[in-house]
Amino acid sequence: MKLAVQEQLLPGRSLQEKFAFAVDAGFDAIELRGKGDFHFAGRLTELKRALADGVVMPTVCVDMLHFIGDFDPAKRKDAIQQLRSQLTVIAELGGIGVMTPASWGQFSRRLPPFEPPRSAEEDREVLAEALGILGEHAQRNGVLIMLEPLNRYENHMVNSLADAVSYCAMDSIRVVGDTYHMNIEEDDPCHSLAEAAPYLAHMQISESNRNQPGTGHLDWGAQLATLDAVGFDDYLALECRLRGEPEIVLPQTAAFIRKYL
């Protein structure tokens, strides 16, 4: 397994400076953030220059205000167009793919009014259609579109790894596990990882409290041993808040995770 860290967590004025710090801190790669309004495509020159300078950038985490599961058809259409563009860009960089949740912050069945304006069947139809479009585009470009389950308070459609696996209708659609969300949603995180293993293409890591690993109560030894046992050899990408200054926290975090690898 390899360690990545999201770009916004790293000190430095450029991707080259950020990557140099990341490597010194014990990481192998940078996970990029894909903003909307085709901002990510607008970075192509910057990204290609960083790639030429040896910066490793395998994945993109979407960072938009609306997503492929939005209730508004126009916003869904835009989210699909944005992700198609991001898939094209990461393919040009020789990367692995782009990850997205079904939605974020749009609706929760745990808060009033409790019942969303769309049925579960309609939710599934909307997501399957969007992922089908994105899966075909990803396949043509030799990359992956990766669906990330979020916890019940942030999303009502795809909460568990098993939920996400149920949408993997083609080889270019895969699943992202996130240890923070899994801590809330999975009855047995290790069992869920093992069950999802054939479809698991990426992991994002943070603690039970959304801070860096080592500050909460997650059983890192058990979960990382499970990933090793099922043959997962892709990236663990740090996506969290930092409790402390990055210059101190990031090397400590990399060392903390590596002792289990």
C-alpha atoms as a PDB file:
ATOM      1  CA  MET A   1       0.000   0.000   0.000  1.00  0.00           C
ATOM      2  CA  LYS A   2       1.080   3.544  -0.761  1.00  0.00           C
ATOM      3  CA  LEU A   3       0.395   6.763   1.134  1.00  0.00           C
ATOM      4  CA  ALA A   4      -1.006   9.927  -0.430  1.00  0.00           C
ATOM      5  CA  VAL A   5      -2.019  13.226   1.131  1.00  0.00           C
ATOM      6  CA  GLN A   6      -4.526  15.747  -0.193  1.00  0.00           C
ATOM      7  CA  GLU A   7      -2.993  18.856  -1.668  1.00  0.00           C
ATOM      8  CA  GLN A   8      -4.747  21.392   0.597  1.00  0.00           C
ATOM      9  CA  LEU A   9      -3.105  19.839   3.676  1.00  0.00           C
ATOM     10  CA  LEU A  10       0.426  20.434   2.423  1.00  0.00           C
ATOM     11  CA  PRO A  11       2.547  23.559   2.915  1.00  0.00           C
ATOM     12  CA  GLY A  12       4.103  25.014  -0.212  1.00  0.00           C
ATOM     13  CA  ARG A  13       3.311  27.499  -2.990  1.00  0.00           C
ATOM     14  CA  SER A  14       3.369  25.007  -5.861  1.00  0.00           C
ATOM     15  CA  LEU A  15       2.664  21.325  -6.387  1.00  0.00           C
ATOM     16  CA  GLN A  16       6.404  20.796  -6.730  1.00  0.00           C
ATOM     17  CA  GLU A  17       7.023  22.335  -3.298  1.00  0.00           C
ATOM     18  CA  LYS A  18       4.107  20.445  -1.786  1.00  0.00           C
ATOM     19  CA  PHE A  19       5.337  17.148  -3.211  1.00  0.00           C
ATOM     20  CA  ALA A  20       8.864  17.712  -1.931  1.00  0.00           C
ATOM     21  CA  PHE A  21       7.452  18.262   1.553  1.00  0.00           C
ATOM     22  CA  ALA A  22       5.144  15.240   1.230  1.00  0.00           C
ATOM     23  CA  VAL A  23       7.994  12.912   0.281  1.00  0.00           C
ATOM     24  CA  ASP A  24      10.164  14.184   3.123  1.00  0.00           C
ATOM     25  CA  ALA A  25       7.232  13.617   5.491  1.00  0.00           C
ATOM     26  CA  GLY A  26       6.843   9.993   4.393  1.00  0.00           C
ATOM     27  CA  PHE A  27       4.150  10.138   1.702  1.00  0.00           C
ATOM     28  CA  ASP A  28       4.317   8.795  -1.851  1.00  0.00           C
ATOM     29  CA  ALA A  29       1.833  10.981  -3.716  1.00  0.00           C
ATOM     30  CA  ILE A  30      -0.517  13.952  -3.705  1.00  0.00           C
ATOM     31  CA  GLU A  31      -4.277  13.545  -4.045  1.00  0.00           C
ATOM     32  CA  LEU A  32      -5.678  16.430  -6.059  1.00  0.00           C
ATOM     33  CA  ARG A  33      -8.952  18.289  -5.466  1.00  0.00           C
ATOM     34  CA  GLY A  34     -11.325  18.785  -8.387  1.00  0.00           C
ATOM     35  CA  LYS A  35     -13.303  22.009  -8.098  1.00  0.00           C
ATOM     36  CA  GLY A  36     -16.282  22.814 -10.294  1.00  0.00           C
ATOM     37  CA  ASP A  37     -16.719  25.338 -13.110  1.00  0.00           C
ATOM     38  CA  PHE A  38     -14.054  23.402 -15.054  1.00  0.00           C
ATOM     39  CA  HIS A  39     -11.449  24.792 -12.671  1.00  0.00           C
ATOM     40  CA  PHE A  40      -9.612  21.478 -12.690  1.00  0.00           C
ATOM     41  CA  ALA A  41      -9.275  21.481 -16.482  1.00  0.00           C
ATOM     42  CA  GLY A  42      -7.988  25.051 -16.199  1.00  0.00           C
ATOM     43  CA  ARG A  43      -5.070  23.695 -14.151  1.00  0.00           C
ATOM     44  CA  LEU A  44      -3.894  21.357 -16.921  1.00  0.00           C
ATOM     45  CA  THR A  45      -0.758  23.358 -17.739  1.00  0.00           C
ATOM     46  CA  GLU A  46       0.178  23.521 -14.045  1.00  0.00           C
ATOM     47  CA  LEU A  47      -0.510  19.817 -13.607  1.00  0.00           C
ATOM     48  CA  LYS A  48       1.483  18.772 -16.681  1.00  0.00           C
ATOM     49  CA  ARG A  49       4.429  20.866 -15.533  1.00  0.00           C
ATOM     50  CA  ALA A  50       4.268  19.225 -12.100  1.00  0.00           C
ATOM     51  CA  LEU A  51       4.075  15.791 -13.716  1.00  0.00           C
ATOM     52  CA  ALA A  52       7.158  16.562 -15.807  1.00  0.00           C
ATOM     53  CA  ASP A  53       8.941  17.523 -12.577  1.00  0.00           C
ATOM     54  CA  GLY A  54       8.166  14.139 -11.042  1.00  0.00           C
ATOM     55  CA  VAL A  55       5.128  14.977  -8.919  1.00  0.00           C
ATOM     56  CA  VAL A  56       2.976  11.852  -8.409  1.00  0.00           C
ATOM     57  CA  MET A  57      -0.749  12.682  -8.647  1.00  0.00           C
ATOM     58  CA  PRO A  58      -2.787   9.481  -9.081  1.00  0.00           C
ATOM     59  CA  THR A  59      -6.264  10.538  -7.950  1.00  0.00           C
ATOM     60  CA  VAL A  60      -8.744  13.403  -7.819  1.00  0.00           C
ATOM     61  CA  CYS A  61     -11.275  13.988  -5.038  1.00  0.00           C
ATOM     62  CA  VAL A  62     -14.225  16.016  -6.283  1.00  0.00           C
ATOM     63  CA  ASP A  63     -14.675  19.354  -4.498  1.00  0.00           C
ATOM     64  CA  MET A  64     -17.907  20.822  -5.854  1.00  0.00           C
ATOM     65  CA  LEU A  65     -21.140  22.343  -4.518  1.00  0.00           C
ATOM     66  CA  HIS A  66     -23.421  19.820  -6.239  1.00  0.00           C
ATOM     67  CA  PHE A  67     -23.103  16.210  -7.322  1.00  0.00           C
ATOM     68  CA  ILE A  68     -24.457  13.480  -9.573  1.00  0.00           C
ATOM     69  CA  GLY A  69     -27.308  12.687  -7.177  1.00  0.00           C
ATOM     70  CA  ASP A  70     -28.675  16.236  -6.936  1.00  0.00           C
ATOM     71  CA  PHE A  71     -32.442  16.671  -6.949  1.00  0.00           C
ATOM     72  CA  ASP A  72     -32.078  19.432  -9.583  1.00  0.00           C
ATOM     73  CA  PRO A  73     -31.649  17.936 -13.094  1.00  0.00           C
ATOM     74  CA  ALA A  74     -29.556  20.925 -14.252  1.00  0.00           C
ATOM     75  CA  LYS A  75     -27.152  20.506 -11.343  1.00  0.00           C
ATOM     76  CA  ARG A  76     -26.910  16.756 -11.983  1.00  0.00           C
ATOM     77  CA  LYS A  77     -26.100  17.421 -15.633  1.00  0.00           C
ATOM     78  CA  ASP A  78     -23.415  19.928 -14.661  1.00  0.00           C
ATOM     79  CA  ALA A  79     -21.885  17.525 -12.132  1.00  0.00           C
ATOM     80  CA  ILE A  80     -21.635  14.844 -14.832  1.00  0.00           C
ATOM     81  CA  GLN A  81     -19.994  17.304 -17.234  1.00  0.00           C
ATOM     82  CA  GLN A  82     -17.518  18.418 -14.557  1.00  0.00           C
ATOM     83  CA  LEU A  83     -16.590  14.827 -13.717  1.00  0.00           C
ATOM     84  CA  ARG A  84     -16.200  13.891 -17.387  1.00  0.00           C
ATOM     85  CA  SER A  85     -13.746  16.766 -17.691  1.00  0.00           C
ATOM     86  CA  GLN A  86     -11.868  15.701 -14.559  1.00  0.00           C
ATOM     87  CA  LEU A  87     -11.649  12.126 -15.847  1.00  0.00           C
ATOM     88  CA  THR A  88     -10.175  13.411 -19.106  1.00  0.00           C
ATOM     89  CA  VAL A  89      -7.575  15.456 -17.239  1.00  0.00           C
ATOM     90  CA  ILE A  90      -6.469  12.714 -14.863  1.00  0.00           C
ATOM     91  CA  ALA A  91      -6.181  10.372 -17.856  1.00  0.00           C
ATOM     92  CA  GLU A  92      -3.851  12.877 -19.543  1.00  0.00           C
ATOM     93  CA  LEU A  93      -1.726  12.763 -16.395  1.00  0.00           C
ATOM     94  CA  GLY A  94      -1.600   8.968 -16.425  1.00  0.00           C
ATOM     95  CA  GLY A  95      -3.533   8.776 -13.172  1.00  0.00           C
ATOM     96  CA  ILE A  96      -5.952   6.244 -11.709  1.00  0.00           C
ATOM     97  CA  GLY A  97      -9.224   8.129 -11.594  1.00  0.00           C
ATOM     98  CA  VAL A  98     -11.703  10.491  -9.969  1.00  0.00           C
ATOM     99  CA  MET A  99     -13.855   9.894  -6.903  1.00  0.00           C
ATOM    100  CA  THR A 100     -17.254  11.346  -6.034  1.00  0.00           C
ATOM    101  CA  PRO A 101     -20.047  10.759  -3.546  1.00  0.00           C
ATOM    102  CA  ALA A 102     -23.635  10.506  -4.747  1.00  0.00           C
ATOM    103  CA  SER A 103     -24.140  13.851  -3.047  1.00  0.00           C
ATOM    104  CA  TRP A 104     -22.995  15.756   0.013  1.00  0.00           C
ATOM    105  CA  GLY A 105     -25.036  17.868   2.406  1.00  0.00           C
ATOM    106  CA  GLN A 106     -28.135  17.653   0.233  1.00  0.00           C
ATOM    107  CA  PHE A 107     -30.407  15.559   2.437  1.00  0.00           C
ATOM    108  CA  SER A 108     -30.340  13.320   5.500  1.00  0.00           C
ATOM    109  CA  ARG A 109     -33.056  10.928   6.639  1.00  0.00           C
ATOM    110  CA  ARG A 110     -31.845  11.625  10.188  1.00  0.00           C
ATOM    111  CA  LEU A 111     -33.068  15.245  10.116  1.00  0.00           C
ATOM    112  CA  PRO A 112     -36.474  16.820   9.392  1.00  0.00           C
ATOM    113  CA  PRO A 113     -38.361  16.441   7.069  1.00  0.00           C
ATOM    114  CA  PHE A 114     -36.893  12.870   7.120  1.00  0.00           C
ATOM    115  CA  GLU A 115     -38.370  11.800   3.760  1.00  0.00           C
ATOM    116  CA  PRO A 116     -36.553  13.002   0.631  1.00  0.00           C
ATOM    117  CA  PRO A 117     -38.469  14.344  -2.378  1.00  0.00           C
ATOM    118  CA  ARG A 118     -37.405  11.352  -4.457  1.00  0.00           C
ATOM    119  CA  SER A 119     -38.097   7.663  -3.836  1.00  0.00           C
ATOM    120  CA  ALA A 120     -35.322   5.124  -3.293  1.00  0.00           C
ATOM    121  CA  GLU A 121     -36.084   3.688  -6.727  1.00  0.00           C
ATOM    122  CA  GLU A 122     -35.769   7.118  -8.327  1.00  0.00           C
ATOM    123  CA  ASP A 123     -32.517   7.740  -6.454  1.00  0.00           C
ATOM    124  CA  ARG A 124     -31.109   4.524  -7.849  1.00  0.00           C
ATOM    125  CA  GLU A 125     -32.241   5.315 -11.383  1.00  0.00           C
ATOM    126  CA  VAL A 126     -30.609   8.762 -11.263  1.00  0.00           C
ATOM    127  CA  LEU A 127     -27.304   7.462  -9.874  1.00  0.00           C
ATOM    128  CA  ALA A 128     -27.129   4.459 -12.181  1.00  0.00           C
ATOM    129  CA  GLU A 129     -27.693   6.692 -15.202  1.00  0.00           C
ATOM    130  CA  ALA A 130     -24.983   9.167 -14.147  1.00  0.00           C
ATOM    131  CA  LEU A 131     -22.484   6.432 -13.310  1.00  0.00           C
ATOM    132  CA  GLY A 132     -23.200   4.710 -16.584  1.00  0.00           C
ATOM    133  CA  ILE A 133     -22.305   7.872 -18.507  1.00  0.00           C
ATOM    134  CA  LEU A 134     -19.201   8.429 -16.408  1.00  0.00           C
ATOM    135  CA  GLY A 135     -18.214   4.770 -16.481  1.00  0.00           C
ATOM    136  CA  GLU A 136     -18.264   4.728 -20.275  1.00  0.00           C
ATOM    137  CA  HIS A 137     -16.177   7.903 -20.427  1.00  0.00           C
ATOM    138  CA  ALA A 138     -13.734   6.542 -17.860  1.00  0.00           C
ATOM    139  CA  GLN A 139     -13.426   3.287 -19.776  1.00  0.00           C
ATOM    140  CA  ARG A 140     -12.627   5.100 -23.033  1.00  0.00           C
ATOM    141  CA  ASN A 141      -9.913   7.045 -21.228  1.00  0.00           C
ATOM    142  CA  GLY A 142      -8.420   4.132 -19.296  1.00  0.00           C
ATOM    143  CA  VAL A 143      -9.267   5.491 -15.839  1.00  0.00           C
ATOM    144  CA  LEU A 144     -11.830   4.875 -13.075  1.00  0.00           C
ATOM    145  CA  ILE A 145     -14.835   6.704 -11.708  1.00  0.00           C
ATOM    146  CA  MET A 146     -14.952   5.803  -8.010  1.00  0.00           C
ATOM    147  CA  LEU A 147     -18.080   6.093  -5.858  1.00  0.00           C
ATOM    148  CA  GLU A 148     -17.559   7.039  -2.212  1.00  0.00           C
ATOM    149  CA  PRO A 149     -20.167   6.187   0.442  1.00  0.00           C
ATOM    150  CA  LEU A 150     -20.802   8.962   2.963  1.00  0.00           C
ATOM    151  CA  ASN A 151     -22.379   8.672   6.390  1.00  0.00           C
ATOM    152  CA  ARG A 152     -26.127   9.039   6.968  1.00  0.00           C
ATOM    153  CA  TYR A 153     -25.813  12.618   8.206  1.00  0.00           C
ATOM    154  CA  GLU A 154     -24.144  13.825   4.995  1.00  0.00           C
ATOM    155  CA  ASN A 155     -25.939  11.773   2.342  1.00  0.00           C
ATOM    156  CA  HIS A 156     -29.072   9.612   2.172  1.00  0.00           C
ATOM    157  CA  MET A 157     -28.355   7.546  -0.955  1.00  0.00           C
ATOM    158  CA  VAL A 158     -25.068   5.645  -0.635  1.00  0.00           C
ATOM    159  CA  ASN A 159     -23.905   5.086   2.944  1.00  0.00           C
ATOM    160  CA  SER A 160     -22.088   1.750   3.014  1.00  0.00           C
ATOM    161  CA  LEU A 161     -19.459  -0.011   0.957  1.00  0.00           C
ATOM    162  CA  ALA A 162     -22.087  -2.581  -0.013  1.00  0.00           C
ATOM    163  CA  ASP A 163     -24.352   0.220  -1.266  1.00  0.00           C
ATOM    164  CA  ALA A 164     -21.540   1.509  -3.466  1.00  0.00           C
ATOM    165  CA  VAL A 165     -20.621  -1.956  -4.749  1.00  0.00           C
ATOM    166  CA  SER A 166     -24.190  -2.404  -5.980  1.00  0.00           C
ATOM    167  CA  TYR A 167     -23.535   0.345  -8.567  1.00  0.00           C
ATOM    168  CA  CYS A 168     -20.394  -1.264 -10.024  1.00  0.00           C
ATOM    169  CA  ALA A 169     -22.028  -2.311 -13.288  1.00  0.00           C
ATOM    170  CA  MET A 170     -18.821  -2.051 -15.340  1.00  0.00           C
ATOM    171  CA  ASP A 171     -15.108  -2.458 -14.684  1.00  0.00           C
ATOM    172  CA  SER A 172     -14.496   1.302 -14.824  1.00  0.00           C
ATOM    173  CA  ILE A 173     -16.849   1.967 -11.882  1.00  0.00           C
ATOM    174  CA  ARG A 174     -15.222   1.202  -8.560  1.00  0.00           C
ATOM    175  CA  VAL A 175     -15.533   2.004  -4.844  1.00  0.00           C
ATOM    176  CA  VAL A 176     -13.678   4.264  -2.415  1.00  0.00           C
ATOM    177  CA  GLY A 177     -13.614   3.399   1.269  1.00  0.00           C
ATOM    178  CA  ASP A 178     -13.329   6.219   3.812  1.00  0.00           C
ATOM    179  CA  THR A 179     -12.448   5.200   7.359  1.00  0.00           C
ATOM    180  CA  TYR A 180     -14.323   8.143   8.913  1.00  0.00           C
ATOM    181  CA  HIS A 181     -17.612   7.308   7.200  1.00  0.00           C
ATOM    182  CA  MET A 182     -17.081   3.580   7.715  1.00  0.00           C
ATOM    183  CA  ASN A 183     -16.720   4.170  11.450  1.00  0.00           C
ATOM    184  CA  ILE A 184     -20.307   5.454  11.461  1.00  0.00           C
ATOM    185  CA  GLU A 185     -21.944   3.169   8.910  1.00  0.00           C
ATOM    186  CA  GLU A 186     -20.255  -0.239   8.905  1.00  0.00           C
ATOM    187  CA  ASP A 187     -21.242  -2.735  11.603  1.00  0.00           C
ATOM    188  CA  ASP A 188     -17.896  -4.487  11.113  1.00  0.00           C
ATOM    189  CA  PRO A 189     -15.442  -2.373   9.069  1.00  0.00           C
ATOM    190  CA  CYS A 190     -13.019  -5.239   8.505  1.00  0.00           C
ATOM    191  CA  HIS A 191     -15.746  -7.568   7.255  1.00  0.00           C
ATOM    192  CA  SER A 192     -17.099  -4.818   4.993  1.00  0.00           C
ATOM    193  CA  LEU A 193     -13.649  -4.186   3.519  1.00  0.00           C
ATOM    194  CA  ALA A 194     -13.188  -7.877   2.832  1.00  0.00           C
ATOM    195  CA  GLU A 195     -16.611  -8.145   1.174  1.00  0.00           C
ATOM    196  CA  ALA A 196     -15.992  -5.066  -1.001  1.00  0.00           C
ATOM    197  CA  ALA A 197     -12.402  -6.015  -1.862  1.00  0.00           C
ATOM    198  CA  PRO A 198     -12.978  -6.986  -5.525  1.00  0.00           C
ATOM    199  CA  TYR A 199     -14.407  -3.512  -6.186  1.00  0.00           C
ATOM    200  CA  LEU A 200     -12.224  -1.443  -3.847  1.00  0.00           C
ATOM    201  CA  ALA A 201      -9.885   0.822  -5.810  1.00  0.00           C
ATOM    202  CA  HIS A 202      -8.927   3.470  -3.249  1.00  0.00           C
ATOM    203  CA  MET A 203      -9.031   4.355   0.453  1.00  0.00           C
ATOM    204  CA  GLN A 204      -9.271   7.694   2.199  1.00  0.00           C
ATOM    205  CA  ILE A 205      -8.086   7.740   5.784  1.00  0.00           C
ATOM    206  CA  SER A 206      -8.931   9.859   8.806  1.00  0.00           C
ATOM    207  CA  GLU A 207      -9.836   9.209  12.402  1.00  0.00           C
ATOM    208  CA  SER A 208     -13.177   8.626  14.096  1.00  0.00           C
ATOM    209  CA  ASN A 209     -13.157  12.353  14.930  1.00  0.00           C
ATOM    210  CA  ARG A 210     -12.195  13.410  11.356  1.00  0.00           C
ATOM    211  CA  ASN A 211      -8.727  14.449  12.508  1.00  0.00           C
ATOM    212  CA  GLN A 212      -5.485  12.715  11.532  1.00  0.00           C
ATOM    213  CA  PRO A 213      -5.023   8.990  12.257  1.00  0.00           C
ATOM    214  CA  GLY A 214      -3.851   8.360  15.803  1.00  0.00           C
ATOM    215  CA  THR A 215      -6.067  10.973  17.466  1.00  0.00           C
ATOM    216  CA  GLY A 216      -9.209   8.846  17.814  1.00  0.00           C
ATOM    217  CA  HIS A 217     -10.352   5.298  18.478  1.00  0.00           C
ATOM    218  CA  LEU A 218     -10.164   3.492  15.128  1.00  0.00           C
ATOM    219  CA  ASP A 219      -8.447   0.091  15.115  1.00  0.00           C
ATOM    220  CA  TRP A 220      -5.856   0.854  12.440  1.00  0.00           C
ATOM    221  CA  GLY A 221      -4.005  -2.388  12.945  1.00  0.00           C
ATOM    222  CA  ALA A 222      -7.107  -4.454  12.196  1.00  0.00           C
ATOM    223  CA  GLN A 223      -8.293  -2.445   9.200  1.00  0.00           C
ATOM    224  CA  LEU A 224      -4.889  -2.196   7.540  1.00  0.00           C
ATOM    225  CA  ALA A 225      -4.236  -5.881   8.181  1.00  0.00           C
ATOM    226  CA  THR A 226      -7.546  -6.646   6.465  1.00  0.00           C
ATOM    227  CA  LEU A 227      -6.575  -4.568   3.447  1.00  0.00           C
ATOM    228  CA  ASP A 228      -3.271  -6.375   3.281  1.00  0.00           C
ATOM    229  CA  ALA A 229      -4.957  -9.763   3.578  1.00  0.00           C
ATOM    230  CA  VAL A 230      -7.318  -9.068   0.661  1.00  0.00           C
ATOM    231  CA  GLY A 231      -4.422  -7.908  -1.520  1.00  0.00           C
ATOM    232  CA  PHE A 232      -5.218  -4.193  -1.578  1.00  0.00           C
ATOM    233  CA  ASP A 233      -2.088  -2.464  -2.862  1.00  0.00           C
ATOM    234  CA  ASP A 234      -3.478   0.900  -3.955  1.00  0.00           C
ATOM    235  CA  TYR A 235      -3.368   4.277  -2.235  1.00  0.00           C
ATOM    236  CA  LEU A 236      -4.348   5.299   1.279  1.00  0.00           C
ATOM    237  CA  ALA A 237      -5.014   9.032   0.916  1.00  0.00           C
ATOM    238  CA  LEU A 238      -5.059  11.287   3.956  1.00  0.00           C
ATOM    239  CA  GLU A 239      -8.276  13.349   3.957  1.00  0.00           C
ATOM    240  CA  CYS A 240      -8.857  14.953   7.324  1.00  0.00           C
ATOM    241  CA  ARG A 241      -8.537  17.979   9.529  1.00  0.00           C
ATOM    242  CA  LEU A 242      -5.118  18.418  11.104  1.00  0.00           C
ATOM    243  CA  ARG A 243      -4.852  18.796  14.846  1.00  0.00           C
ATOM    244  CA  GLY A 244      -1.658  20.821  14.857  1.00  0.00           C
ATOM    245  CA  GLU A 245       0.693  22.383  12.327  1.00  0.00           C
ATOM    246  CA  PRO A 246       1.235  20.367   9.119  1.00  0.00           C
ATOM    247  CA  GLU A 247       5.021  20.565   9.442  1.00  0.00           C
ATOM    248  CA  ILE A 248       4.727  18.575  12.681  1.00  0.00           C
ATOM    249  CA  VAL A 249       1.537  16.574  12.195  1.00  0.00           C
ATOM    250  CA  LEU A 250       2.055  15.173   8.694  1.00  0.00           C
ATOM    251  CA  PRO A 251       5.402  13.396   9.364  1.00  0.00           C
ATOM    252  CA  GLN A 252       3.940  11.982  12.587  1.00  0.00           C
ATOM    253  CA  THR A 253       0.860  10.752  10.751  1.00  0.00           C
ATOM    254  CA  ALA A 254       2.836   9.077   7.969  1.00  0.00           C
ATOM    255  CA  ALA A 255       4.994   7.327  10.563  1.00  0.00           C
ATOM    256  CA  PHE A 256       1.921   6.269  12.522  1.00  0.00           C
ATOM    257  CA  ILE A 257       0.300   4.625   9.479  1.00  0.00           C
ATOM    258  CA  ARG A 258       3.524   3.072   8.162  1.00  0.00           C
ATOM    259  CA  LYS A 259       4.101   1.130  11.356  1.00  0.00           C
ATOM    260  CA  TYR A 260       1.038  -0.948  10.402  1.00  0.00           C
ATOM    261  CA  LEU A 261       1.995  -1.471   6.734  1.00  0.00           C
END
